[in-house]
Amino acid sequence: MSASRAAYVGGCAATSNVLAGKVYGIPVRGTHAHSWVMSFGDELEAFRTYAAAMPNNCVFLVDTYDTLDGVRHAIEVGRWLREQGHEMIGIRLDSGDLAYLSIEARKMLDAAGFPDAGIVASNDLDETIINSLKQQGACINVWGVGTKLVTGYDQPTLGGVYKLTALRDRGDDSWRYCIKLSEQSIKISTPGIHQVRRYSVDGELLGDAIYDLPSPPASGCVIIDPLDPTRRKRIPAEATYEDLLVPVFRRGECVYGMPSLEAVRQRAQSGLARLAPGLKRFVNPHIYPVGLEQSLYDLKMRLILQARNGGH
């Protein structure tokens, strides 16, 4: 359920998860399974029965036995559907050489008078495979992505840790900043009450600054990479910004109004659209600048030196 919701937020057009469609209002799309075809005496009978049961939702899975024969059977049943006043939506390919099979299937469908019938592709697709198929001229209209989208397929664990960054004693409104040291720079925590400020100029994103909430940056700040302080980005004074983090709970009370799923989806899409093309390419993408604002970086260095010199 959470995977279906996240996929829709990220830009997928629909889900095959019927319950997610009911609960979240996500459009539901899908096809029958191989088991449907295998439960009948032959593929043609399976397609005919499916068409009789679902005349307005026929996407035939054609690769149970022989893919191109499956396309021929889909065309035959598509003609019968047309005689009944309905139209075949398309076919689905789930194995084999998807580029070659989709091109051949497109030729067969067009020649048979079904130019509007779509071709759905599945079979462990990811962004790299989809990009390759497009470069090969594959005639695929719909990409059914599942396993490699909803699992951490190429990075099964997230290297995240929880560390205390500031502490306020009961009855005292002042904060005491905390830092955890390590022999590895990446494991040294960043003190402070964090907020993230996203900068842009003329709609194009420039970078994100992590800053200490009681000390917001002035215009024209500097972002410093905490792992390589020689890497710095200066934000021009004319840049506009938005703070990304919003409170959800204050003093035990929920103060956040959950936006609708469509609003969340729209925010995600508009944010992606603002990223420069070089950041979104698959091979050697640019790295989006995120770092510590100058005063927060200075605070961190000061606390590191204090701790290593015996301070607390």
C-alpha atoms as a PDB file:
ATOM      1  CA  MET A   1       0.000   0.000   0.000  1.00  0.00           C
ATOM      2  CA  SER A   2       2.724   2.471   0.950  1.00  0.00           C
ATOM      3  CA  ALA A   3       4.685   1.519  -2.165  1.00  0.00           C
ATOM      4  CA  SER A   4       1.663   2.188  -4.392  1.00  0.00           C
ATOM      5  CA  ARG A   5       1.094   5.566  -2.749  1.00  0.00           C
ATOM      6  CA  ALA A   6       4.762   6.545  -3.045  1.00  0.00           C
ATOM      7  CA  ALA A   7       4.920   5.446  -6.679  1.00  0.00           C
ATOM      8  CA  TYR A   8       1.903   7.598  -7.506  1.00  0.00           C
ATOM      9  CA  VAL A   9       3.443  10.592  -5.718  1.00  0.00           C
ATOM     10  CA  GLY A  10       6.640  10.015  -7.692  1.00  0.00           C
ATOM     11  CA  GLY A  11       4.860  10.200 -11.038  1.00  0.00           C
ATOM     12  CA  CYS A  12       3.377   6.803 -11.895  1.00  0.00           C
ATOM     13  CA  ALA A  13       0.044   7.171 -13.665  1.00  0.00           C
ATOM     14  CA  ALA A  14      -1.812   4.269 -12.038  1.00  0.00           C
ATOM     15  CA  THR A  15      -1.499   1.165  -9.870  1.00  0.00           C
ATOM     16  CA  SER A  16      -2.455  -2.480 -10.248  1.00  0.00           C
ATOM     17  CA  ASN A  17      -3.117  -2.563  -6.486  1.00  0.00           C
ATOM     18  CA  VAL A  18      -6.912  -2.459  -6.334  1.00  0.00           C
ATOM     19  CA  LEU A  19      -7.011  -1.768  -2.587  1.00  0.00           C
ATOM     20  CA  ALA A  20      -4.646   1.201  -2.999  1.00  0.00           C
ATOM     21  CA  GLY A  21      -6.986   2.505  -5.675  1.00  0.00           C
ATOM     22  CA  LYS A  22      -9.927   2.255  -3.303  1.00  0.00           C
ATOM     23  CA  VAL A  23      -8.204   3.748  -0.249  1.00  0.00           C
ATOM     24  CA  TYR A  24      -6.153   6.505  -1.917  1.00  0.00           C
ATOM     25  CA  GLY A  25      -8.178   7.223  -5.054  1.00  0.00           C
ATOM     26  CA  ILE A  26      -5.291   6.252  -7.357  1.00  0.00           C
ATOM     27  CA  PRO A  27      -6.360   5.236 -10.888  1.00  0.00           C
ATOM     28  CA  VAL A  28      -6.331   1.444 -11.228  1.00  0.00           C
ATOM     29  CA  ARG A  29      -4.947  -0.280 -14.309  1.00  0.00           C
ATOM     30  CA  GLY A  30      -3.907  -3.830 -14.964  1.00  0.00           C
ATOM     31  CA  THR A  31      -4.169  -7.002 -17.029  1.00  0.00           C
ATOM     32  CA  HIS A  32      -4.957 -10.630 -16.391  1.00  0.00           C
ATOM     33  CA  ALA A  33      -2.236 -13.028 -15.224  1.00  0.00           C
ATOM     34  CA  HIS A  34      -0.487 -15.960 -16.871  1.00  0.00           C
ATOM     35  CA  SER A  35      -2.427 -18.201 -14.497  1.00  0.00           C
ATOM     36  CA  TRP A  36      -5.646 -17.058 -16.195  1.00  0.00           C
ATOM     37  CA  VAL A  37      -4.412 -18.275 -19.571  1.00  0.00           C
ATOM     38  CA  MET A  38      -3.024 -21.507 -18.123  1.00  0.00           C
ATOM     39  CA  SER A  39      -6.356 -22.361 -16.456  1.00  0.00           C
ATOM     40  CA  PHE A  40      -8.000 -22.828 -19.881  1.00  0.00           C
ATOM     41  CA  GLY A  41      -7.555 -25.465 -22.552  1.00  0.00           C
ATOM     42  CA  ASP A  42      -5.812 -23.017 -24.872  1.00  0.00           C
ATOM     43  CA  GLU A  43      -4.872 -19.348 -25.136  1.00  0.00           C
ATOM     44  CA  LEU A  44      -7.632 -18.402 -27.562  1.00  0.00           C
ATOM     45  CA  GLU A  45     -10.292 -19.759 -25.222  1.00  0.00           C
ATOM     46  CA  ALA A  46      -8.737 -17.811 -22.330  1.00  0.00           C
ATOM     47  CA  PHE A  47      -8.796 -14.576 -24.313  1.00  0.00           C
ATOM     48  CA  ARG A  48     -12.387 -15.108 -25.470  1.00  0.00           C
ATOM     49  CA  THR A  49     -13.593 -15.766 -21.928  1.00  0.00           C
ATOM     50  CA  TYR A  50     -11.761 -12.730 -20.610  1.00  0.00           C
ATOM     51  CA  ALA A  51     -13.242 -10.554 -23.356  1.00  0.00           C
ATOM     52  CA  ALA A  52     -16.739 -11.775 -22.548  1.00  0.00           C
ATOM     53  CA  ALA A  53     -16.246 -10.972 -18.858  1.00  0.00           C
ATOM     54  CA  MET A  54     -14.379  -7.655 -19.290  1.00  0.00           C
ATOM     55  CA  PRO A  55     -15.343  -6.286 -22.717  1.00  0.00           C
ATOM     56  CA  ASN A  56     -14.303  -2.722 -21.897  1.00  0.00           C
ATOM     57  CA  ASN A  57     -10.993  -3.570 -20.222  1.00  0.00           C
ATOM     58  CA  CYS A  58      -9.218  -6.022 -22.507  1.00  0.00           C
ATOM     59  CA  VAL A  59      -5.429  -5.935 -22.373  1.00  0.00           C
ATOM     60  CA  PHE A  60      -4.316  -9.427 -23.349  1.00  0.00           C
ATOM     61  CA  LEU A  61      -1.149 -10.940 -21.856  1.00  0.00           C
ATOM     62  CA  VAL A  62       0.288 -12.592 -24.966  1.00  0.00           C
ATOM     63  CA  ASP A  63       3.513 -14.330 -23.911  1.00  0.00           C
ATOM     64  CA  THR A  64       2.294 -17.385 -21.956  1.00  0.00           C
ATOM     65  CA  TYR A  65       3.270 -19.757 -24.772  1.00  0.00           C
ATOM     66  CA  ASP A  66       4.440 -18.004 -27.947  1.00  0.00           C
ATOM     67  CA  THR A  67       4.330 -14.211 -28.000  1.00  0.00           C
ATOM     68  CA  LEU A  68       3.588 -13.569 -31.680  1.00  0.00           C
ATOM     69  CA  ASP A  69       0.972 -16.324 -31.745  1.00  0.00           C
ATOM     70  CA  GLY A  70      -0.492 -14.623 -28.688  1.00  0.00           C
ATOM     71  CA  VAL A  71      -0.710 -11.365 -30.632  1.00  0.00           C
ATOM     72  CA  ARG A  72      -2.584 -13.191 -33.419  1.00  0.00           C
ATOM     73  CA  HIS A  73      -5.031 -14.596 -30.886  1.00  0.00           C
ATOM     74  CA  ALA A  74      -5.509 -11.147 -29.351  1.00  0.00           C
ATOM     75  CA  ILE A  75      -6.286  -9.745 -32.808  1.00  0.00           C
ATOM     76  CA  GLU A  76      -8.835 -12.491 -33.433  1.00  0.00           C
ATOM     77  CA  VAL A  77     -10.624 -11.781 -30.156  1.00  0.00           C
ATOM     78  CA  GLY A  78     -10.272  -8.043 -30.791  1.00  0.00           C
ATOM     79  CA  ARG A  79     -12.254  -8.440 -33.987  1.00  0.00           C
ATOM     80  CA  TRP A  80     -14.970 -10.301 -32.096  1.00  0.00           C
ATOM     81  CA  LEU A  81     -15.050  -7.504 -29.498  1.00  0.00           C
ATOM     82  CA  ARG A  82     -15.457  -4.920 -32.237  1.00  0.00           C
ATOM     83  CA  GLU A  83     -18.440  -6.831 -33.616  1.00  0.00           C
ATOM     84  CA  GLN A  84     -20.015  -6.567 -30.152  1.00  0.00           C
ATOM     85  CA  GLY A  85     -19.493  -2.794 -30.074  1.00  0.00           C
ATOM     86  CA  HIS A  86     -16.383  -2.822 -27.889  1.00  0.00           C
ATOM     87  CA  GLU A  87     -12.707  -2.183 -28.555  1.00  0.00           C
ATOM     88  CA  MET A  88      -9.579  -4.023 -27.489  1.00  0.00           C
ATOM     89  CA  ILE A  89      -7.385  -1.747 -25.354  1.00  0.00           C
ATOM     90  CA  GLY A  90      -4.134  -3.506 -26.129  1.00  0.00           C
ATOM     91  CA  ILE A  91      -1.687  -6.282 -25.357  1.00  0.00           C
ATOM     92  CA  ARG A  92       0.985  -6.887 -22.726  1.00  0.00           C
ATOM     93  CA  LEU A  93       4.514  -8.238 -23.196  1.00  0.00           C
ATOM     94  CA  ASP A  94       6.161  -9.733 -20.120  1.00  0.00           C
ATOM     95  CA  SER A  95       9.217 -11.626 -21.391  1.00  0.00           C
ATOM     96  CA  GLY A  96      11.661 -12.010 -24.251  1.00  0.00           C
ATOM     97  CA  ASP A  97      13.213  -9.353 -26.467  1.00  0.00           C
ATOM     98  CA  LEU A  98      10.820  -6.527 -25.672  1.00  0.00           C
ATOM     99  CA  ALA A  99      12.229  -4.217 -28.352  1.00  0.00           C
ATOM    100  CA  TYR A 100      11.883  -6.753 -31.185  1.00  0.00           C
ATOM    101  CA  LEU A 101       8.563  -8.180 -29.984  1.00  0.00           C
ATOM    102  CA  SER A 102       6.971  -4.766 -29.523  1.00  0.00           C
ATOM    103  CA  ILE A 103       8.003  -3.652 -33.022  1.00  0.00           C
ATOM    104  CA  GLU A 104       6.632  -6.864 -34.569  1.00  0.00           C
ATOM    105  CA  ALA A 105       3.452  -6.686 -32.500  1.00  0.00           C
ATOM    106  CA  ARG A 106       2.912  -3.074 -33.579  1.00  0.00           C
ATOM    107  CA  LYS A 107       3.162  -4.080 -37.227  1.00  0.00           C
ATOM    108  CA  MET A 108       0.651  -6.902 -36.705  1.00  0.00           C
ATOM    109  CA  LEU A 109      -1.834  -4.753 -34.806  1.00  0.00           C
ATOM    110  CA  ASP A 110      -1.677  -1.933 -37.344  1.00  0.00           C
ATOM    111  CA  ALA A 111      -2.060  -4.303 -40.290  1.00  0.00           C
ATOM    112  CA  ALA A 112      -5.093  -5.893 -38.636  1.00  0.00           C
ATOM    113  CA  GLY A 113      -6.809  -2.534 -38.172  1.00  0.00           C
ATOM    114  CA  PHE A 114      -5.955  -1.864 -34.521  1.00  0.00           C
ATOM    115  CA  PRO A 115      -3.678   1.203 -34.666  1.00  0.00           C
ATOM    116  CA  ASP A 116      -5.050   2.508 -31.360  1.00  0.00           C
ATOM    117  CA  ALA A 117      -4.357  -0.704 -29.440  1.00  0.00           C
ATOM    118  CA  GLY A 118      -1.588  -0.021 -26.924  1.00  0.00           C
ATOM    119  CA  ILE A 119       1.389  -2.179 -26.037  1.00  0.00           C
ATOM    120  CA  VAL A 120       2.170  -2.620 -22.349  1.00  0.00           C
ATOM    121  CA  ALA A 121       5.602  -3.884 -21.265  1.00  0.00           C
ATOM    122  CA  SER A 122       6.606  -5.396 -17.926  1.00  0.00           C
ATOM    123  CA  ASN A 123       9.289  -7.881 -16.730  1.00  0.00           C
ATOM    124  CA  ASP A 124      11.555  -6.343 -14.054  1.00  0.00           C
ATOM    125  CA  LEU A 125      11.828  -2.983 -15.785  1.00  0.00           C
ATOM    126  CA  ASP A 126      13.894  -0.135 -14.392  1.00  0.00           C
ATOM    127  CA  GLU A 127      14.959   3.271 -15.705  1.00  0.00           C
ATOM    128  CA  THR A 128      18.047   1.881 -17.444  1.00  0.00           C
ATOM    129  CA  ILE A 129      16.152  -0.846 -19.284  1.00  0.00           C
ATOM    130  CA  ILE A 130      13.367   1.544 -20.270  1.00  0.00           C
ATOM    131  CA  ASN A 131      15.885   4.060 -21.600  1.00  0.00           C
ATOM    132  CA  SER A 132      17.612   1.324 -23.608  1.00  0.00           C
ATOM    133  CA  LEU A 133      14.319   0.107 -25.079  1.00  0.00           C
ATOM    134  CA  LYS A 134      13.428   3.638 -26.147  1.00  0.00           C
ATOM    135  CA  GLN A 135      16.800   4.013 -27.851  1.00  0.00           C
ATOM    136  CA  GLN A 136      16.135   0.748 -29.716  1.00  0.00           C
ATOM    137  CA  GLY A 137      12.866   2.127 -31.090  1.00  0.00           C
ATOM    138  CA  ALA A 138      10.603  -0.137 -29.053  1.00  0.00           C
ATOM    139  CA  CYS A 139       6.902   0.427 -29.763  1.00  0.00           C
ATOM    140  CA  ILE A 140       5.771   0.460 -26.139  1.00  0.00           C
ATOM    141  CA  ASN A 141       3.056   2.791 -24.857  1.00  0.00           C
ATOM    142  CA  VAL A 142       2.820   1.805 -21.188  1.00  0.00           C
ATOM    143  CA  TRP A 143       5.593   0.743 -18.799  1.00  0.00           C
ATOM    144  CA  GLY A 144       4.541  -1.615 -16.024  1.00  0.00           C
ATOM    145  CA  VAL A 145       7.231  -1.218 -13.372  1.00  0.00           C
ATOM    146  CA  GLY A 146       7.038  -3.178 -10.136  1.00  0.00           C
ATOM    147  CA  THR A 147       9.808  -5.003  -8.292  1.00  0.00           C
ATOM    148  CA  LYS A 148      12.636  -2.585  -9.015  1.00  0.00           C
ATOM    149  CA  LEU A 149      10.448   0.407  -8.186  1.00  0.00           C
ATOM    150  CA  VAL A 150       8.973  -0.622  -4.841  1.00  0.00           C
ATOM    151  CA  THR A 151      12.063  -2.328  -3.370  1.00  0.00           C
ATOM    152  CA  GLY A 152      15.558  -1.018  -2.657  1.00  0.00           C
ATOM    153  CA  TYR A 153      16.794  -3.196  -5.490  1.00  0.00           C
ATOM    154  CA  ASP A 154      20.174  -1.544  -6.122  1.00  0.00           C
ATOM    155  CA  GLN A 155      20.652  -0.154  -2.582  1.00  0.00           C
ATOM    156  CA  PRO A 156      18.869  -2.433  -0.110  1.00  0.00           C
ATOM    157  CA  THR A 157      19.927  -0.519   2.992  1.00  0.00           C
ATOM    158  CA  LEU A 158      19.893   3.173   3.888  1.00  0.00           C
ATOM    159  CA  GLY A 159      22.963   4.436   5.707  1.00  0.00           C
ATOM    160  CA  GLY A 160      21.074   6.662   8.114  1.00  0.00           C
ATOM    161  CA  VAL A 161      21.687   7.269  11.819  1.00  0.00           C
ATOM    162  CA  TYR A 162      19.875   9.061  14.630  1.00  0.00           C
ATOM    163  CA  LYS A 163      21.907  11.493  16.723  1.00  0.00           C
ATOM    164  CA  LEU A 164      21.055  14.111  19.320  1.00  0.00           C
ATOM    165  CA  THR A 165      21.863  17.611  18.010  1.00  0.00           C
ATOM    166  CA  ALA A 166      20.407  19.892  20.688  1.00  0.00           C
ATOM    167  CA  LEU A 167      18.955  19.497  24.155  1.00  0.00           C
ATOM    168  CA  ARG A 168      16.641  21.729  26.164  1.00  0.00           C
ATOM    169  CA  ASP A 169      16.251  21.050  29.861  1.00  0.00           C
ATOM    170  CA  ARG A 170      12.787  20.911  31.357  1.00  0.00           C
ATOM    171  CA  GLY A 171      11.581  24.395  32.264  1.00  0.00           C
ATOM    172  CA  ASP A 172      14.418  26.094  30.397  1.00  0.00           C
ATOM    173  CA  ASP A 173      13.909  27.672  26.983  1.00  0.00           C
ATOM    174  CA  SER A 174      17.602  27.797  26.147  1.00  0.00           C
ATOM    175  CA  TRP A 175      19.221  25.116  23.980  1.00  0.00           C
ATOM    176  CA  ARG A 176      22.442  23.228  24.625  1.00  0.00           C
ATOM    177  CA  TYR A 177      24.022  22.018  21.393  1.00  0.00           C
ATOM    178  CA  CYS A 178      25.466  18.516  21.225  1.00  0.00           C
ATOM    179  CA  ILE A 179      28.015  16.887  18.964  1.00  0.00           C
ATOM    180  CA  LYS A 180      29.223  13.323  18.470  1.00  0.00           C
ATOM    181  CA  LEU A 181      32.825  12.857  17.313  1.00  0.00           C
ATOM    182  CA  SER A 182      34.406  10.112  15.239  1.00  0.00           C
ATOM    183  CA  GLU A 183      37.652   9.290  13.487  1.00  0.00           C
ATOM    184  CA  GLN A 184      35.554   9.312  10.280  1.00  0.00           C
ATOM    185  CA  SER A 185      34.358  12.730   9.151  1.00  0.00           C
ATOM    186  CA  ILE A 186      31.132  11.302   7.750  1.00  0.00           C
ATOM    187  CA  LYS A 187      30.150  10.056  11.224  1.00  0.00           C
ATOM    188  CA  ILE A 188      30.603  13.390  13.017  1.00  0.00           C
ATOM    189  CA  SER A 189      27.157  14.761  13.790  1.00  0.00           C
ATOM    190  CA  THR A 190      26.047  18.314  13.043  1.00  0.00           C
ATOM    191  CA  PRO A 191      24.793  20.301  16.051  1.00  0.00           C
ATOM    192  CA  GLY A 192      21.897  22.698  16.032  1.00  0.00           C
ATOM    193  CA  ILE A 193      18.145  22.971  15.473  1.00  0.00           C
ATOM    194  CA  HIS A 194      18.096  22.235  11.797  1.00  0.00           C
ATOM    195  CA  GLN A 195      16.136  23.800   8.980  1.00  0.00           C
ATOM    196  CA  VAL A 196      16.718  23.400   5.250  1.00  0.00           C
ATOM    197  CA  ARG A 197      16.476  26.423   2.944  1.00  0.00           C
ATOM    198  CA  ARG A 198      16.130  25.843  -0.800  1.00  0.00           C
ATOM    199  CA  TYR A 199      17.360  28.639  -3.052  1.00  0.00           C
ATOM    200  CA  SER A 200      16.448  29.424  -6.634  1.00  0.00           C
ATOM    201  CA  VAL A 201      16.878  32.129  -9.264  1.00  0.00           C
ATOM    202  CA  ASP A 202      14.284  32.563 -12.011  1.00  0.00           C
ATOM    203  CA  GLY A 203      12.727  29.239 -11.046  1.00  0.00           C
ATOM    204  CA  GLU A 204      15.946  27.202 -11.365  1.00  0.00           C
ATOM    205  CA  LEU A 205      17.143  25.531  -8.183  1.00  0.00           C
ATOM    206  CA  LEU A 206      20.606  26.546  -6.922  1.00  0.00           C
ATOM    207  CA  GLY A 207      21.081  24.433  -3.810  1.00  0.00           C
ATOM    208  CA  ASP A 208      19.962  23.657  -0.270  1.00  0.00           C
ATOM    209  CA  ALA A 209      21.462  25.152   2.878  1.00  0.00           C
ATOM    210  CA  ILE A 210      21.157  23.394   6.244  1.00  0.00           C
ATOM    211  CA  TYR A 211      21.123  26.071   8.907  1.00  0.00           C
ATOM    212  CA  ASP A 212      20.555  26.554  12.626  1.00  0.00           C
ATOM    213  CA  LEU A 213      16.984  27.762  13.092  1.00  0.00           C
ATOM    214  CA  PRO A 214      17.769  30.453  15.734  1.00  0.00           C
ATOM    215  CA  SER A 215      20.400  31.929  13.377  1.00  0.00           C
ATOM    216  CA  PRO A 216      18.889  32.113   9.878  1.00  0.00           C
ATOM    217  CA  PRO A 217      21.301  32.986   7.066  1.00  0.00           C
ATOM    218  CA  ALA A 218      21.478  36.448   5.629  1.00  0.00           C
ATOM    219  CA  SER A 219      21.038  37.006   1.900  1.00  0.00           C
ATOM    220  CA  GLY A 220      23.995  35.906  -0.160  1.00  0.00           C
ATOM    221  CA  CYS A 221      25.048  33.046   2.109  1.00  0.00           C
ATOM    222  CA  VAL A 222      27.689  30.371   1.513  1.00  0.00           C
ATOM    223  CA  ILE A 223      26.992  26.620   1.491  1.00  0.00           C
ATOM    224  CA  ILE A 224      29.880  24.391   2.627  1.00  0.00           C
ATOM    225  CA  ASP A 225      30.209  20.669   1.968  1.00  0.00           C
ATOM    226  CA  PRO A 226      30.710  19.182   5.480  1.00  0.00           C
ATOM    227  CA  LEU A 227      32.913  16.370   4.100  1.00  0.00           C
ATOM    228  CA  ASP A 228      35.051  18.629   1.907  1.00  0.00           C
ATOM    229  CA  PRO A 229      35.133  22.222   3.206  1.00  0.00           C
ATOM    230  CA  THR A 230      36.989  23.356   0.072  1.00  0.00           C
ATOM    231  CA  ARG A 231      33.764  22.743  -1.874  1.00  0.00           C
ATOM    232  CA  ARG A 232      31.674  25.860  -1.354  1.00  0.00           C
ATOM    233  CA  LYS A 233      28.807  27.472  -3.209  1.00  0.00           C
ATOM    234  CA  ARG A 234      27.914  31.125  -2.860  1.00  0.00           C
ATOM    235  CA  ILE A 235      24.222  31.945  -3.082  1.00  0.00           C
ATOM    236  CA  PRO A 236      23.592  35.357  -4.696  1.00  0.00           C
ATOM    237  CA  ALA A 237      21.723  37.976  -2.697  1.00  0.00           C
ATOM    238  CA  GLU A 238      18.905  38.133  -5.259  1.00  0.00           C
ATOM    239  CA  ALA A 239      18.051  34.433  -4.865  1.00  0.00           C
ATOM    240  CA  THR A 240      14.613  33.556  -3.561  1.00  0.00           C
ATOM    241  CA  TYR A 241      14.094  30.734  -1.073  1.00  0.00           C
ATOM    242  CA  GLU A 242      11.679  28.483   0.757  1.00  0.00           C
ATOM    243  CA  ASP A 243      12.202  26.635   4.026  1.00  0.00           C
ATOM    244  CA  LEU A 244      11.437  22.944   3.505  1.00  0.00           C
ATOM    245  CA  LEU A 245      10.836  21.626   7.012  1.00  0.00           C
ATOM    246  CA  VAL A 246       7.498  22.328   8.682  1.00  0.00           C
ATOM    247  CA  PRO A 247       6.479  21.364  12.225  1.00  0.00           C
ATOM    248  CA  VAL A 248       4.232  18.330  12.578  1.00  0.00           C
ATOM    249  CA  PHE A 249       4.039  18.197  16.386  1.00  0.00           C
ATOM    250  CA  ARG A 250       4.572  21.001  18.891  1.00  0.00           C
ATOM    251  CA  ARG A 251       4.594  20.163  22.601  1.00  0.00           C
ATOM    252  CA  GLY A 252       2.794  16.902  21.931  1.00  0.00           C
ATOM    253  CA  GLU A 253       0.076  18.420  19.754  1.00  0.00           C
ATOM    254  CA  CYS A 254      -0.312  17.835  16.022  1.00  0.00           C
ATOM    255  CA  VAL A 255      -0.080  21.188  14.240  1.00  0.00           C
ATOM    256  CA  TYR A 256       0.140  19.899  10.664  1.00  0.00           C
ATOM    257  CA  GLY A 257      -2.659  19.640   8.148  1.00  0.00           C
ATOM    258  CA  MET A 258      -2.039  16.710   5.809  1.00  0.00           C
ATOM    259  CA  PRO A 259      -2.378  17.804   2.154  1.00  0.00           C
ATOM    260  CA  SER A 260      -4.313  15.698  -0.312  1.00  0.00           C
ATOM    261  CA  LEU A 261      -2.513  12.989  -2.258  1.00  0.00           C
ATOM    262  CA  GLU A 262      -2.968  14.978  -5.466  1.00  0.00           C
ATOM    263  CA  ALA A 263      -1.361  18.028  -3.844  1.00  0.00           C
ATOM    264  CA  VAL A 264       1.598  15.901  -2.698  1.00  0.00           C
ATOM    265  CA  ARG A 265       1.947  14.445  -6.196  1.00  0.00           C
ATOM    266  CA  GLN A 266       1.816  17.887  -7.795  1.00  0.00           C
ATOM    267  CA  ARG A 267       4.478  19.225  -5.435  1.00  0.00           C
ATOM    268  CA  ALA A 268       6.778  16.323  -6.281  1.00  0.00           C
ATOM    269  CA  GLN A 269       6.307  16.822 -10.014  1.00  0.00           C
ATOM    270  CA  SER A 270       6.834  20.578  -9.888  1.00  0.00           C
ATOM    271  CA  GLY A 271       9.987  20.069  -7.817  1.00  0.00           C
ATOM    272  CA  LEU A 272      11.416  17.586 -10.314  1.00  0.00           C
ATOM    273  CA  ALA A 273      10.626  19.944 -13.181  1.00  0.00           C
ATOM    274  CA  ARG A 274      12.789  22.633 -11.557  1.00  0.00           C
ATOM    275  CA  LEU A 275      15.897  20.445 -11.497  1.00  0.00           C
ATOM    276  CA  ALA A 276      18.448  21.075 -14.250  1.00  0.00           C
ATOM    277  CA  PRO A 277      18.602  18.285 -16.873  1.00  0.00           C
ATOM    278  CA  GLY A 278      22.183  17.425 -15.914  1.00  0.00           C
ATOM    279  CA  LEU A 279      21.016  16.414 -12.440  1.00  0.00           C
ATOM    280  CA  LYS A 280      18.506  13.905 -13.805  1.00  0.00           C
ATOM    281  CA  ARG A 281      20.582  12.009 -16.338  1.00  0.00           C
ATOM    282  CA  PHE A 282      21.393   8.371 -15.585  1.00  0.00           C
ATOM    283  CA  VAL A 283      25.114   8.436 -16.415  1.00  0.00           C
ATOM    284  CA  ASN A 284      27.480  10.750 -14.483  1.00  0.00           C
ATOM    285  CA  PRO A 285      24.814  13.182 -13.277  1.00  0.00           C
ATOM    286  CA  HIS A 286      25.715  16.502 -11.699  1.00  0.00           C
ATOM    287  CA  ILE A 287      25.494  16.523  -7.896  1.00  0.00           C
ATOM    288  CA  TYR A 288      22.866  18.872  -6.486  1.00  0.00           C
ATOM    289  CA  PRO A 289      24.549  21.236  -3.972  1.00  0.00           C
ATOM    290  CA  VAL A 290      23.552  20.615  -0.356  1.00  0.00           C
ATOM    291  CA  GLY A 291      25.688  21.782   2.536  1.00  0.00           C
ATOM    292  CA  LEU A 292      25.981  23.590   5.826  1.00  0.00           C
ATOM    293  CA  GLU A 293      25.395  27.320   5.922  1.00  0.00           C
ATOM    294  CA  GLN A 294      28.588  29.161   6.921  1.00  0.00           C
ATOM    295  CA  SER A 295      27.634  29.999  10.523  1.00  0.00           C
ATOM    296  CA  LEU A 296      26.419  26.455  11.223  1.00  0.00           C
ATOM    297  CA  TYR A 297      29.647  25.059   9.764  1.00  0.00           C
ATOM    298  CA  ASP A 298      31.642  27.426  12.005  1.00  0.00           C
ATOM    299  CA  LEU A 299      29.594  26.327  15.043  1.00  0.00           C
ATOM    300  CA  LYS A 300      30.290  22.680  14.237  1.00  0.00           C
ATOM    301  CA  MET A 301      34.034  23.269  13.909  1.00  0.00           C
ATOM    302  CA  ARG A 302      34.091  25.195  17.181  1.00  0.00           C
ATOM    303  CA  LEU A 303      32.337  22.408  19.090  1.00  0.00           C
ATOM    304  CA  ILE A 304      34.608  19.785  17.536  1.00  0.00           C
ATOM    305  CA  LEU A 305      37.697  21.650  18.731  1.00  0.00           C
ATOM    306  CA  GLN A 306      36.215  22.192  22.184  1.00  0.00           C
ATOM    307  CA  ALA A 307      35.365  18.493  22.550  1.00  0.00           C
ATOM    308  CA  ARG A 308      38.778  17.339  21.365  1.00  0.00           C
ATOM    309  CA  ASN A 309      40.469  19.758  23.749  1.00  0.00           C
ATOM    310  CA  GLY A 310      38.608  18.256  26.697  1.00  0.00           C
ATOM    311  CA  GLY A 311      35.494  20.414  26.633  1.00  0.00           C
ATOM    312  CA  HIS A 312      31.924  19.188  26.983  1.00  0.00           C
END
